[in-house]
Amino acid sequence: MNGFKNFLLRGNVVDLAVAVIIATSFGAVVTTFTNWLTAQMPSALDDVFSNEVNSFGAFMNAVIAFVILAAVVYFLVVVPYVKAKEKYFPSPPPGTPEDITLLKEIRDLLSARTA
């Protein structure tokens, strides 16, 4: 079970799943917007097909569904994931990276040698 926990929390599985969910939902927003926009364009076939449907409501429905889905995914998946990740794999304390520390030591040694 420990290996599975490491797989979920160390890998990008949750990040990828969230990206797929959000991208799919946003795809619906783009599709409904395109349908609404093309319905607004004049067509030579308007006389033949006079059954015009205003799809702006469908576009707004897709936008609202996207926002609700994004909020649900954020609060029910992302926030608990970040808390669990910090609990089991805490980030290292902020500090000076090793290469910067080494460069400072070299600088100090060179300045002491030339002085």
Foldseek 3Di string as FASTA:
>chain_A
DVVVVCCLQVDCPLVVVLVVVLVVLVVQLVVLVVVQVVLPDDDPCCVVPVPRDRSVVVNVVSVVVSVVVNVCCCVVPVVVSVVVNCVVPNDDDDDDDPVVVVVVVVVVVVVVVVD
